[in-house]
Amino acid sequence: MNILMLSTTFPYPPTKGGTQVRTFHLLKYLNQAHHVTVLTQRSAEVSDAEIEALREFTGELVVFEKAPQASNKIQRFADFLIEGTPPSVRSNYSPEMQDWIDRRIEKFNVITCEHSVNEIYVRPEFQQKKIVNVHSSLYGSCRNQLQTGTSENQLRDRINLPLLKRYEKRYCQKFTNIVVTTNDDRIQLQAFNPTAEIDVIPNGVDFTAFPDRSKDPGGHHLIFIGAMDNLANIDAAKFLSLEILPQLQAKYPDITLSIVGARPTAEIQQLGEHENITVTGRVESIADYLHQATVCVIPMRTGYGIKNKTLEAMAAGTPIVSSDRGLEGLKYKDRALRANSIDEYVAAISRLFENAELRAQLSEKARSHIEAEYTWERAGRQYLQVLERSAQVEI
């Protein structure tokens, strides 16, 4: 089977963010059984060495230069209003990449879009089976930010919300198969395309990068992990640092917090000015920091889809206190503590600080659950089944 995989986000190394992680590991699995041609784009940060490293995991790798994004916000919104395509999707469009696809599409059995922003390259008239791997619903994420008061710009997002709903409903009609990471997204997108086959395939964990901890460090040390230029992560880190942590400090004066993740924005770096908060930026091993923490706190208030940070913390054996949003798509009973208000976070974290036995129980059960249910091998096998099922007419 010849597979054309579209990913305008360069999917290597698989440590830069959720999109890279999911795309790379699914690609790695598919390429073992079939010929996969990957079309992607490189920004200034992508090195020649990274391109050559990714090439080893593909049947063919074609790389285009990422075009600079237009700076006129008013024009971008006007285009969205008229054409119906969000600026975040339009900014990834390359006429050269589209031309390559149009001239060679007939050689492929299946075309996959790794993240919905790549749907812009798929023409409705393409006869191939078309699959969109939706990492999270754009409409659902925008709606959630408005509901939770975490939107950067309330007026803008209230205007955008019906436009995103129209856009998501339209692009879903093009695809014979839709893949999502959680049941919440499945319900949302099934309403947009009732006839599409929708499969829920959660993410996995690279266990070589996230080994189980060898001991409980004890103490009163918290950790939050994630790409620190992501809006949902920025909101969570600020909520933890400025609202939850001060309440805990009154009970535990020696409490510390590490905010671990690449590309911290200026407002995240400012959090590091607090005496008991460390902002690390990019680190070689997130697992090392997880192993040193007493509790991993995932106070997500927005952001749809399954959270790699939750899976990784569970795999590393670090006890978790998380919001419903951070636990989305997971069976967390006896594997994590749930909290959504400041009082609930303080109570749950205090329980773990004071109960080593509870920490050990959560750690063991969470690690076992991840090993059984959230491997990239399992996710890759499920994804391959979707592709082979979709393409059985053409094979």
Protein backbone atom coordinates (compact mmCIF):
# COMPACT_ATOMS: atom_id res chain seq x y z
CA MET A 1 0.00 0.00 0.00
CA ASN A 2 1.30 3.44 -0.93
CA ILE A 3 0.49 6.01 1.76
CA LEU A 4 0.78 9.77 1.40
CA MET A 5 1.18 11.36 4.84
CA LEU A 6 0.76 15.13 5.14
CA SER A 7 2.30 16.94 8.09
CA THR A 8 3.11 20.62 7.73
CA THR A 9 4.56 20.38 11.24
CA PHE A 10 8.01 18.81 10.86
CA PRO A 11 7.61 15.61 12.92
CA TYR A 12 11.15 15.24 14.24
CA PRO A 13 12.56 15.04 16.82
CA PRO A 14 9.53 13.54 18.58
CA THR A 15 10.12 15.65 21.69
CA LYS A 16 9.12 19.13 20.54
CA GLY A 17 5.36 18.91 21.09
CA GLY A 18 2.27 16.74 20.93
CA THR A 19 1.86 16.97 17.16
CA GLN A 20 5.44 15.85 16.52
CA VAL A 21 5.21 13.02 19.03
CA ARG A 22 2.00 11.53 17.63
CA THR A 23 2.91 11.96 13.97
CA PHE A 24 6.41 10.50 14.31
CA HIS A 25 5.42 7.39 16.21
CA LEU A 26 2.50 6.57 13.89
CA LEU A 27 4.77 7.13 10.88
CA LYS A 28 7.43 4.88 12.38
CA TYR A 29 4.93 2.04 12.77
CA LEU A 30 3.25 2.43 9.35
CA ASN A 31 6.57 2.53 7.50
CA GLN A 32 7.45 -0.94 8.78
CA ALA A 33 4.57 -2.47 6.80
CA HIS A 34 3.97 -0.12 3.85
CA HIS A 35 5.63 2.54 1.73
CA VAL A 36 5.00 5.94 3.31
CA THR A 37 5.72 9.20 1.51
CA VAL A 38 5.85 12.12 3.94
CA LEU A 39 5.25 15.68 2.81
CA THR A 40 6.28 18.22 5.40
CA GLN A 41 7.65 21.72 5.86
CA ARG A 42 10.76 23.05 7.51
CA SER A 43 11.03 26.24 9.51
CA ALA A 44 14.30 27.96 10.33
CA GLU A 45 14.62 25.81 13.47
CA VAL A 46 14.74 22.52 11.52
CA SER A 47 18.31 21.40 10.84
CA ASP A 48 19.66 19.40 7.92
CA ALA A 49 20.67 16.69 10.41
CA GLU A 50 17.06 16.41 11.62
CA ILE A 51 15.85 16.05 8.04
CA GLU A 52 18.31 13.22 7.40
CA ALA A 53 17.34 11.54 10.66
CA LEU A 54 13.64 11.62 9.75
CA ARG A 55 14.37 10.26 6.28
CA GLU A 56 15.37 6.93 7.87
CA PHE A 57 11.77 6.39 8.98
CA THR A 58 10.10 7.07 5.62
CA GLY A 59 9.79 5.47 2.22
CA GLU A 60 10.21 8.94 0.75
CA LEU A 61 10.57 12.34 2.42
CA VAL A 62 9.71 15.56 0.60
CA VAL A 63 10.43 18.81 2.46
CA PHE A 64 9.15 22.26 1.55
CA GLU A 65 10.15 25.61 3.01
CA LYS A 66 7.57 27.05 5.40
CA ALA A 67 6.30 30.39 4.09
CA PRO A 68 6.43 33.37 6.49
CA GLN A 69 3.07 34.19 8.06
CA ALA A 70 1.31 37.36 6.95
CA SER A 71 1.43 40.03 9.66
CA ASN A 72 -1.83 41.84 8.83
CA LYS A 73 -4.31 40.50 11.39
CA ILE A 74 -7.24 42.37 9.88
CA GLN A 75 -6.57 40.86 6.47
CA ARG A 76 -6.21 37.37 7.96
CA PHE A 77 -9.57 37.69 9.70
CA ALA A 78 -11.22 39.04 6.55
CA ASP A 79 -9.92 36.03 4.61
CA PHE A 80 -11.31 33.74 7.33
CA LEU A 81 -14.70 35.43 7.15
CA ILE A 82 -14.89 35.24 3.35
CA GLU A 83 -13.12 31.95 2.55
CA GLY A 84 -13.99 30.05 5.72
CA THR A 85 -10.45 28.81 6.44
CA PRO A 86 -8.84 29.82 9.78
CA PRO A 87 -5.56 31.77 9.69
CA SER A 88 -3.82 28.92 11.55
CA VAL A 89 -4.64 26.64 8.61
CA ARG A 90 -4.06 29.16 5.84
CA SER A 91 -0.61 30.05 7.23
CA ASN A 92 0.56 26.48 6.57
CA TYR A 93 -0.51 26.49 2.93
CA SER A 94 2.19 26.08 0.28
CA PRO A 95 1.24 26.31 -3.43
CA GLU A 96 4.35 24.27 -4.24
CA MET A 97 3.26 21.52 -1.87
CA GLN A 98 -0.25 21.55 -3.35
CA ASP A 99 1.16 21.27 -6.87
CA TRP A 100 3.29 18.27 -5.84
CA ILE A 101 0.21 16.53 -4.46
CA ASP A 102 -1.99 17.32 -7.46
CA ARG A 103 0.57 15.93 -9.92
CA ARG A 104 1.27 12.70 -8.03
CA ILE A 105 -1.91 11.84 -6.15
CA GLU A 106 -2.82 8.93 -8.46
CA LYS A 107 0.10 6.80 -7.25
CA PHE A 108 -1.28 6.59 -3.69
CA ASN A 109 -3.92 4.33 -2.17
CA VAL A 110 -4.47 6.42 0.96
CA ILE A 111 -3.87 10.03 1.96
CA THR A 112 -3.63 10.93 5.65
CA CYS A 113 -3.65 14.36 7.25
CA GLU A 114 -1.69 14.34 10.50
CA HIS A 115 -3.55 17.13 12.34
CA SER A 116 -6.56 18.83 10.84
CA VAL A 117 -4.58 21.86 9.59
CA ASN A 118 -3.38 19.66 6.72
CA GLU A 119 -6.91 19.18 5.37
CA ILE A 120 -6.41 22.25 3.19
CA TYR A 121 -4.37 20.14 0.75
CA VAL A 122 -7.05 17.48 0.25
CA ARG A 123 -9.40 18.17 -2.63
CA PRO A 124 -12.92 16.71 -2.37
CA GLU A 125 -12.56 15.18 -5.83
CA PHE A 126 -9.56 13.04 -4.84
CA GLN A 127 -10.60 9.40 -5.35
CA GLN A 128 -8.21 7.98 -2.77
CA LYS A 129 -9.44 7.04 0.69
CA LYS A 130 -8.93 10.15 2.78
CA ILE A 131 -8.19 10.09 6.51
CA VAL A 132 -7.84 13.05 8.86
CA ASN A 133 -6.09 12.40 12.17
CA VAL A 134 -7.62 15.12 14.35
CA HIS A 135 -5.35 15.75 17.32
CA SER A 136 -8.00 18.01 18.87
CA SER A 137 -11.12 19.86 17.69
CA LEU A 138 -10.43 23.54 16.87
CA TYR A 139 -14.06 24.43 17.49
CA GLY A 140 -14.17 22.42 20.73
CA SER A 141 -10.96 24.06 22.01
CA CYS A 142 -12.21 27.59 21.25
CA ARG A 143 -15.58 26.90 22.87
CA ASN A 144 -13.86 25.48 25.96
CA GLN A 145 -11.61 28.54 26.30
CA LEU A 146 -14.65 30.80 26.22
CA GLN A 147 -16.51 28.65 28.75
CA THR A 148 -13.61 28.59 31.18
CA GLY A 149 -12.55 32.23 30.78
CA THR A 150 -9.09 31.23 29.56
CA SER A 151 -9.33 32.85 26.12
CA GLU A 152 -6.58 35.33 25.26
CA ASN A 153 -9.15 37.51 23.46
CA GLN A 154 -12.79 36.94 24.39
CA LEU A 155 -14.24 39.21 21.68
CA ARG A 156 -12.12 37.65 18.93
CA ASP A 157 -12.98 34.11 19.98
CA ARG A 158 -16.71 34.84 20.29
CA ILE A 159 -16.61 36.02 16.68
CA ASN A 160 -14.45 33.07 15.63
CA LEU A 161 -16.56 30.38 17.31
CA PRO A 162 -19.37 30.11 14.72
CA LEU A 163 -16.79 30.44 11.94
CA LEU A 164 -14.78 27.53 13.37
CA LYS A 165 -17.94 25.45 13.66
CA ARG A 166 -18.75 26.13 10.00
CA TYR A 167 -15.15 25.33 9.00
CA GLU A 168 -14.89 22.09 10.97
CA LYS A 169 -18.24 20.85 9.67
CA ARG A 170 -17.17 21.60 6.11
CA TYR A 171 -13.77 19.91 6.18
CA CYS A 172 -15.13 16.82 7.94
CA GLN A 173 -17.37 16.18 4.92
CA LYS A 174 -14.31 15.53 2.74
CA PHE A 175 -13.06 12.52 4.67
CA THR A 176 -14.17 8.91 4.60
CA ASN A 177 -12.44 8.25 7.91
CA ILE A 178 -11.73 10.44 10.93
CA VAL A 179 -9.35 9.50 13.74
CA VAL A 180 -9.48 11.23 17.14
CA THR A 181 -7.71 10.80 20.47
CA THR A 182 -10.71 10.94 22.85
CA ASN A 183 -14.38 10.10 22.91
CA ASP A 184 -15.27 13.78 23.48
CA ASP A 185 -13.81 14.66 20.09
CA ARG A 186 -15.53 11.65 18.52
CA ILE A 187 -18.93 12.88 19.67
CA GLN A 188 -18.18 16.41 18.48
CA LEU A 189 -17.02 15.41 14.99
CA GLN A 190 -19.64 12.70 14.47
CA ALA A 191 -22.23 15.46 14.65
CA PHE A 192 -20.39 17.26 11.85
CA ASN A 193 -20.19 14.15 9.62
CA PRO A 194 -22.68 11.46 10.71
CA THR A 195 -21.67 9.14 7.85
CA ALA A 196 -17.91 9.12 8.53
CA GLU A 197 -16.20 6.22 10.25
CA ILE A 198 -14.64 7.67 13.40
CA ASP A 199 -12.02 5.74 15.37
CA VAL A 200 -10.67 6.71 18.78
CA ILE A 201 -6.92 6.05 18.91
CA PRO A 202 -5.20 7.54 21.98
CA ASN A 203 -1.56 8.48 22.15
CA GLY A 204 1.19 6.27 23.52
CA VAL A 205 4.40 6.66 25.49
CA ASP A 206 8.01 6.01 24.53
CA PHE A 207 9.08 3.92 27.52
CA THR A 208 12.77 4.33 26.75
CA ALA A 209 12.35 8.08 27.30
CA PHE A 210 10.01 7.66 30.29
CA PRO A 211 11.20 4.76 32.46
CA ASP A 212 9.50 4.02 35.77
CA ARG A 213 11.02 5.74 38.81
CA SER A 214 13.24 3.65 41.05
CA LYS A 215 12.28 5.38 44.31
CA ASP A 216 9.90 7.89 45.88
CA PRO A 217 11.84 11.11 46.59
CA GLY A 218 9.35 12.26 49.26
CA GLY A 219 9.45 15.92 50.25
CA HIS A 220 7.21 18.72 48.97
CA HIS A 221 8.26 19.22 45.37
CA LEU A 222 5.73 19.80 42.57
CA ILE A 223 6.27 19.65 38.82
CA PHE A 224 4.36 20.81 35.76
CA ILE A 225 5.52 19.73 32.28
CA GLY A 226 4.68 20.83 28.74
CA ALA A 227 5.64 23.06 25.84
CA MET A 228 5.64 26.45 27.49
CA ASP A 229 4.60 28.51 24.47
CA ASN A 230 1.27 26.68 24.30
CA LEU A 231 -1.74 28.76 25.43
CA ALA A 232 -3.33 25.96 27.48
CA ASN A 233 -0.03 25.19 29.22
CA ILE A 234 0.65 28.86 29.93
CA ASP A 235 -2.75 29.21 31.57
CA ALA A 236 -2.21 26.03 33.64
CA ALA A 237 1.28 27.06 34.77
CA LYS A 238 0.06 30.51 35.88
CA PHE A 239 -2.96 29.01 37.67
CA LEU A 240 -0.70 26.59 39.53
CA SER A 241 1.98 29.17 40.36
CA LEU A 242 -0.14 32.16 41.29
CA GLU A 243 -3.30 30.65 42.77
CA ILE A 244 -2.67 27.09 43.97
CA LEU A 245 0.95 27.27 45.14
CA PRO A 246 0.52 30.20 47.59
CA GLN A 247 -2.26 28.29 49.37
CA LEU A 248 0.01 25.26 49.73
CA GLN A 249 2.97 27.34 50.86
CA ALA A 250 1.03 28.38 53.96
CA LYS A 251 0.96 24.68 54.95
CA TYR A 252 4.34 23.63 53.56
CA PRO A 253 6.85 26.54 53.71
CA ASP A 254 9.54 24.47 51.98
CA ILE A 255 7.37 23.65 48.95
CA THR A 256 8.96 24.07 45.50
CA LEU A 257 7.67 23.95 41.92
CA SER A 258 9.53 23.13 38.70
CA ILE A 259 7.98 24.27 35.40
CA VAL A 260 9.68 22.04 32.84
CA GLY A 261 9.28 22.53 29.10
CA ALA A 262 10.73 24.14 26.01
CA ARG A 263 10.17 27.67 24.73
CA PRO A 264 8.93 29.44 27.90
CA THR A 265 7.32 32.75 27.09
CA ALA A 266 8.19 35.97 28.91
CA GLU A 267 5.27 35.58 31.31
CA ILE A 268 6.36 32.03 32.16
CA GLN A 269 9.95 33.16 32.71
CA GLN A 270 8.64 35.80 35.12
CA LEU A 271 7.19 33.02 37.27
CA GLY A 272 10.76 31.84 37.80
CA GLU A 273 11.46 35.06 39.69
CA HIS A 274 9.53 33.61 42.64
CA GLU A 275 11.94 32.10 45.17
CA ASN A 276 10.26 28.68 45.20
CA ILE A 277 9.63 28.34 41.42
CA THR A 278 12.15 27.12 38.84
CA VAL A 279 11.54 27.54 35.10
CA THR A 280 13.91 25.20 33.28
CA GLY A 281 13.25 25.72 29.59
CA ARG A 282 14.13 22.75 27.39
CA VAL A 283 15.79 19.84 29.20
CA GLU A 284 17.49 16.69 27.97
CA SER A 285 15.29 14.34 30.00
CA ILE A 286 11.84 15.30 31.29
CA ALA A 287 11.70 11.91 33.00
CA ASP A 288 14.65 12.84 35.24
CA TYR A 289 12.70 15.84 36.52
CA LEU A 290 9.54 13.78 36.97
CA HIS A 291 11.47 11.23 39.03
CA GLN A 292 12.68 14.01 41.37
CA ALA A 293 9.15 15.35 41.99
CA THR A 294 6.81 14.34 44.79
CA VAL A 295 3.69 15.16 42.77
CA CYS A 296 2.99 16.11 39.15
CA VAL A 297 0.17 18.68 38.95
CA ILE A 298 -1.78 19.01 35.68
CA PRO A 299 -4.22 21.88 36.29
CA MET A 300 -5.41 22.19 32.69
CA ARG A 301 -8.47 24.40 32.26
CA THR A 302 -8.59 24.29 28.48
CA GLY A 303 -7.25 22.26 25.55
CA TYR A 304 -9.00 19.30 23.97
CA GLY A 305 -7.59 15.85 23.26
CA ILE A 306 -5.58 13.36 25.28
CA LYS A 307 -2.63 14.90 27.14
CA ASN A 308 0.83 13.49 26.51
CA LYS A 309 2.00 15.08 29.75
CA THR A 310 -0.47 12.97 31.72
CA LEU A 311 0.58 9.74 30.00
CA GLU A 312 4.27 10.55 30.45
CA ALA A 313 3.93 11.36 34.16
CA MET A 314 1.99 8.13 34.69
CA ALA A 315 4.65 6.16 32.81
CA ALA A 316 7.40 7.76 34.91
CA GLY A 317 5.60 6.70 38.10
CA THR A 318 5.06 10.24 39.40
CA PRO A 319 1.78 10.57 41.35
CA ILE A 320 -0.66 12.91 39.62
CA VAL A 321 -3.22 15.49 40.67
CA SER A 322 -5.11 16.67 37.59
CA SER A 323 -8.21 18.43 36.33
CA ASP A 324 -10.90 16.72 34.29
CA ARG A 325 -9.37 18.32 31.19
CA GLY A 326 -5.94 16.90 32.00
CA LEU A 327 -7.47 13.44 32.47
CA GLU A 328 -9.59 13.57 29.32
CA GLY A 329 -9.92 10.19 27.64
CA LEU A 330 -8.31 8.29 30.54
CA LYS A 331 -9.63 5.79 33.08
CA TYR A 332 -8.00 7.39 36.09
CA LYS A 333 -9.71 5.77 39.09
CA ASP A 334 -7.01 4.56 41.52
CA ARG A 335 -4.37 5.96 39.13
CA ALA A 336 -4.58 9.72 39.77
CA LEU A 337 -6.34 12.21 42.04
CA ARG A 338 -8.88 14.56 40.48
CA ALA A 339 -9.19 18.28 41.28
CA ASN A 340 -10.76 21.27 39.54
CA SER A 341 -10.94 24.04 42.16
CA ILE A 342 -8.14 25.59 44.20
CA ASP A 343 -9.45 23.96 47.39
CA GLU A 344 -9.58 20.56 45.67
CA TYR A 345 -5.99 20.91 44.45
CA VAL A 346 -4.75 21.90 47.90
CA ALA A 347 -6.57 18.97 49.52
CA ALA A 348 -5.40 16.39 46.95
CA ILE A 349 -1.78 17.52 46.90
CA SER A 350 -1.72 17.59 50.71
CA ARG A 351 -3.01 14.02 50.81
CA LEU A 352 -0.15 12.90 48.60
CA PHE A 353 2.48 14.89 50.51
CA GLU A 354 1.42 13.19 53.73
CA ASN A 355 0.73 9.66 52.51
CA ALA A 356 3.65 7.73 51.03
CA GLU A 357 1.53 4.60 50.72
CA LEU A 358 -1.03 6.41 48.57
CA ARG A 359 1.76 7.80 46.38
CA ALA A 360 3.12 4.28 45.87
CA GLN A 361 -0.33 2.88 45.01
CA LEU A 362 -1.08 5.56 42.42
CA SER A 363 2.40 5.25 40.95
CA GLU A 364 2.24 1.47 40.52
CA LYS A 365 -1.29 1.34 39.13
CA ALA A 366 -0.74 4.24 36.73
CA ARG A 367 2.46 2.75 35.31
CA SER A 368 0.80 -0.65 34.83
CA HIS A 369 -2.17 0.97 33.08
CA ILE A 370 0.06 2.86 30.64
CA GLU A 371 2.08 -0.27 29.86
CA ALA A 372 -1.12 -2.16 29.05
CA GLU A 373 -3.17 0.46 27.19
CA TYR A 374 -1.01 3.35 25.94
CA THR A 375 1.89 2.04 23.89
CA TRP A 376 2.80 3.47 20.50
CA GLU A 377 2.84 -0.10 19.17
CA ARG A 378 -0.85 -0.43 20.08
CA ALA A 379 -1.72 2.98 18.64
CA GLY A 380 0.21 2.23 15.45
CA ARG A 381 -1.51 -1.13 15.02
CA GLN A 382 -4.93 0.50 15.41
CA TYR A 383 -4.03 3.24 12.92
CA LEU A 384 -2.75 0.70 10.40
CA GLN A 385 -6.03 -1.21 10.70
CA VAL A 386 -7.94 1.97 9.85
CA LEU A 387 -5.77 2.58 6.78
CA GLU A 388 -5.94 -1.00 5.55
CA ARG A 389 -9.68 -1.15 6.12
CA SER A 390 -10.14 2.10 4.26
CA ALA A 391 -7.97 1.11 1.31
CA GLN A 392 -9.14 -2.49 0.85
CA VAL A 393 -10.95 -1.60 -2.38
CA GLU A 394 -7.79 -0.19 -3.96
CA ILE A 395 -5.31 -2.87 -2.83
